[in-house]
Structure formats: structure tokens, C-alpha cells
Amino acid sequence: MSEEKNTRTVNGRVISDKRDKTLTVLVERRVKHPLYGKFVRRSTKLHAHDEQNEGRQGDWVAVQECRPMSKRKAWRLVEVLERAAR
């Protein structure tokens, strides 16, 4: 696969690895509240393509935006940054 220069890469926690070649990754970000100024946590669930089924539940992973692989899957696993304690 060729590396794209203008694709986003985000880090997140794998929350599901039940499907074949697919991970569900929870990505959290901190956003400043517009009125009160407090930082609030916001999260997004992404479905990522995992060709070799290397990601497991609880792992910290990096995923990169790619072409749509299916209806909801438009990210792919780049690397496993940290393994979950088993």
C-alpha cells in the first residue's frame, strides 16, 4: 500500500475485535467548553481494517484514514503501539 501524505492518523483503544479483519477503536479527544472553558472529553468509535488480525481488545493502536472498505469502515490499522495486559 502506498503512503498518502494528507491522511489523518489517530491513536485509540481497541474496544472490540470480534469481527474478522475489523477492529472497533475508541478515540478520545479533549474539547474546551465554549461557555465555561472546562475541558470535556469527547469520544468517537471508528471501524478499522486489520488485515492480519493483529489487534486485540484493550490494545493501544494507531489508525489511518483510507478509502472506504465497507459501509462504515474507512480506516486501517497502522501499528499496535502498546499491547494490553493479558
C-alpha atoms as a PDB file:
ATOM      1  CA  MET A   1       0.000   0.000   0.000  1.00  0.00           C
ATOM      2  CA  SER A   2       1.268   3.452  -0.806  1.00  0.00           C
ATOM      3  CA  GLU A   3       1.535   6.025   1.949  1.00  0.00           C
ATOM      4  CA  GLU A   4      -0.692   9.049   1.460  1.00  0.00           C
ATOM      5  CA  LYS A   5       0.671  12.401   2.591  1.00  0.00           C
ATOM      6  CA  ASN A   6      -2.604  14.071   3.547  1.00  0.00           C
ATOM      7  CA  THR A   7      -4.269  11.315   5.578  1.00  0.00           C
ATOM      8  CA  ARG A   8      -5.125  11.625   9.229  1.00  0.00           C
ATOM      9  CA  THR A   9      -3.613   9.277  11.779  1.00  0.00           C
ATOM     10  CA  VAL A  10      -5.159   8.980  15.242  1.00  0.00           C
ATOM     11  CA  ASN A  11      -4.458   6.840  18.309  1.00  0.00           C
ATOM     12  CA  GLY A  12      -7.094   4.967  20.257  1.00  0.00           C
ATOM     13  CA  ARG A  13      -8.030   1.941  22.347  1.00  0.00           C
ATOM     14  CA  VAL A  14      -9.404  -1.238  20.733  1.00  0.00           C
ATOM     15  CA  ILE A  15     -12.796  -1.929  22.297  1.00  0.00           C
ATOM     16  CA  SER A  16     -13.865  -4.816  20.040  1.00  0.00           C
ATOM     17  CA  ASP A  17     -12.044  -7.385  17.911  1.00  0.00           C
ATOM     18  CA  LYS A  18     -14.895  -9.842  17.432  1.00  0.00           C
ATOM     19  CA  ARG A  19     -15.224  -9.440  13.650  1.00  0.00           C
ATOM     20  CA  ASP A  20     -12.793 -10.881  11.113  1.00  0.00           C
ATOM     21  CA  LYS A  21     -10.282  -8.270   9.839  1.00  0.00           C
ATOM     22  CA  THR A  22     -12.104  -5.432  11.635  1.00  0.00           C
ATOM     23  CA  LEU A  23     -11.397  -3.552  14.871  1.00  0.00           C
ATOM     24  CA  THR A  24     -13.569  -1.053  16.693  1.00  0.00           C
ATOM     25  CA  VAL A  25     -11.329   1.718  18.052  1.00  0.00           C
ATOM     26  CA  LEU A  26     -12.406   4.314  20.619  1.00  0.00           C
ATOM     27  CA  VAL A  27     -10.680   7.659  20.006  1.00  0.00           C
ATOM     28  CA  GLU A  28     -10.927  10.259  22.758  1.00  0.00           C
ATOM     29  CA  ARG A  29     -10.206  13.969  22.438  1.00  0.00           C
ATOM     30  CA  ARG A  30     -10.392  16.913  24.810  1.00  0.00           C
ATOM     31  CA  VAL A  31     -12.517  19.894  23.776  1.00  0.00           C
ATOM     32  CA  LYS A  32     -12.807  23.200  25.574  1.00  0.00           C
ATOM     33  CA  HIS A  33     -16.402  24.012  26.549  1.00  0.00           C
ATOM     34  CA  PRO A  34     -17.474  27.165  24.648  1.00  0.00           C
ATOM     35  CA  LEU A  35     -19.075  28.925  27.628  1.00  0.00           C
ATOM     36  CA  TYR A  36     -17.440  27.576  30.788  1.00  0.00           C
ATOM     37  CA  GLY A  37     -13.924  26.909  29.489  1.00  0.00           C
ATOM     38  CA  LYS A  38     -13.646  23.489  31.122  1.00  0.00           C
ATOM     39  CA  PHE A  39     -12.063  20.736  29.030  1.00  0.00           C
ATOM     40  CA  VAL A  40     -14.558  17.978  28.268  1.00  0.00           C
ATOM     41  CA  ARG A  41     -13.769  14.506  26.917  1.00  0.00           C
ATOM     42  CA  ARG A  42     -15.433  13.582  23.622  1.00  0.00           C
ATOM     43  CA  SER A  43     -15.113  10.151  22.043  1.00  0.00           C
ATOM     44  CA  THR A  44     -15.633   8.606  18.619  1.00  0.00           C
ATOM     45  CA  LYS A  45     -15.850   4.944  17.640  1.00  0.00           C
ATOM     46  CA  LEU A  46     -14.053   4.093  14.395  1.00  0.00           C
ATOM     47  CA  HIS A  47     -14.103   0.814  12.483  1.00  0.00           C
ATOM     48  CA  ALA A  48     -10.621  -0.042  11.200  1.00  0.00           C
ATOM     49  CA  HIS A  49      -9.398  -2.668   8.735  1.00  0.00           C
ATOM     50  CA  ASP A  50      -6.934  -5.126  10.274  1.00  0.00           C
ATOM     51  CA  GLU A  51      -5.648  -7.461   7.538  1.00  0.00           C
ATOM     52  CA  GLN A  52      -3.584  -9.798   9.767  1.00  0.00           C
ATOM     53  CA  ASN A  53      -5.911  -9.686  12.812  1.00  0.00           C
ATOM     54  CA  GLU A  54      -3.044  -8.399  14.981  1.00  0.00           C
ATOM     55  CA  GLY A  55      -5.054  -6.018  17.182  1.00  0.00           C
ATOM     56  CA  ARG A  56      -6.698  -7.358  20.338  1.00  0.00           C
ATOM     57  CA  GLN A  57      -9.193  -5.847  22.753  1.00  0.00           C
ATOM     58  CA  GLY A  58      -7.504  -3.354  25.077  1.00  0.00           C
ATOM     59  CA  ASP A  59      -4.539  -2.628  22.776  1.00  0.00           C
ATOM     60  CA  TRP A  60      -3.473   0.966  22.113  1.00  0.00           C
ATOM     61  CA  VAL A  61      -3.293   1.366  18.316  1.00  0.00           C
ATOM     62  CA  ALA A  62      -2.663   3.915  15.568  1.00  0.00           C
ATOM     63  CA  VAL A  63      -5.194   4.010  12.716  1.00  0.00           C
ATOM     64  CA  GLN A  64      -5.006   5.928   9.454  1.00  0.00           C
ATOM     65  CA  GLU A  65      -7.746   7.232   7.206  1.00  0.00           C
ATOM     66  CA  CYS A  66      -8.102   5.347   3.900  1.00  0.00           C
ATOM     67  CA  ARG A  67     -10.562   4.651   1.121  1.00  0.00           C
ATOM     68  CA  PRO A  68     -13.904   3.167   2.227  1.00  0.00           C
ATOM     69  CA  MET A  69     -13.575  -0.593   2.742  1.00  0.00           C
ATOM     70  CA  SER A  70     -17.251  -1.091   3.541  1.00  0.00           C
ATOM     71  CA  LYS A  71     -20.294   0.927   4.610  1.00  0.00           C
ATOM     72  CA  ARG A  72     -18.775   2.128   7.914  1.00  0.00           C
ATOM     73  CA  LYS A  73     -15.103   1.108   7.623  1.00  0.00           C
ATOM     74  CA  ALA A  74     -12.806   3.827   6.218  1.00  0.00           C
ATOM     75  CA  TRP A  75      -9.745   3.472   8.493  1.00  0.00           C
ATOM     76  CA  ARG A  76      -6.907   0.957   8.572  1.00  0.00           C
ATOM     77  CA  LEU A  77      -4.597  -0.258  11.312  1.00  0.00           C
ATOM     78  CA  VAL A  78      -1.097   1.241  11.033  1.00  0.00           C
ATOM     79  CA  GLU A  79       0.553  -0.275  14.098  1.00  0.00           C
ATOM     80  CA  VAL A  80      -0.057  -1.605  17.584  1.00  0.00           C
ATOM     81  CA  LEU A  81       1.542   0.940  19.915  1.00  0.00           C
ATOM     82  CA  GLU A  82       1.012  -0.898  23.201  1.00  0.00           C
ATOM     83  CA  ARG A  83      -0.289  -4.381  23.981  1.00  0.00           C
ATOM     84  CA  ALA A  84      -2.977  -4.883  26.626  1.00  0.00           C
ATOM     85  CA  ALA A  85      -2.037  -6.783  29.768  1.00  0.00           C
ATOM     86  CA  ARG A  86      -3.389 -10.320  29.364  1.00  0.00           C
END
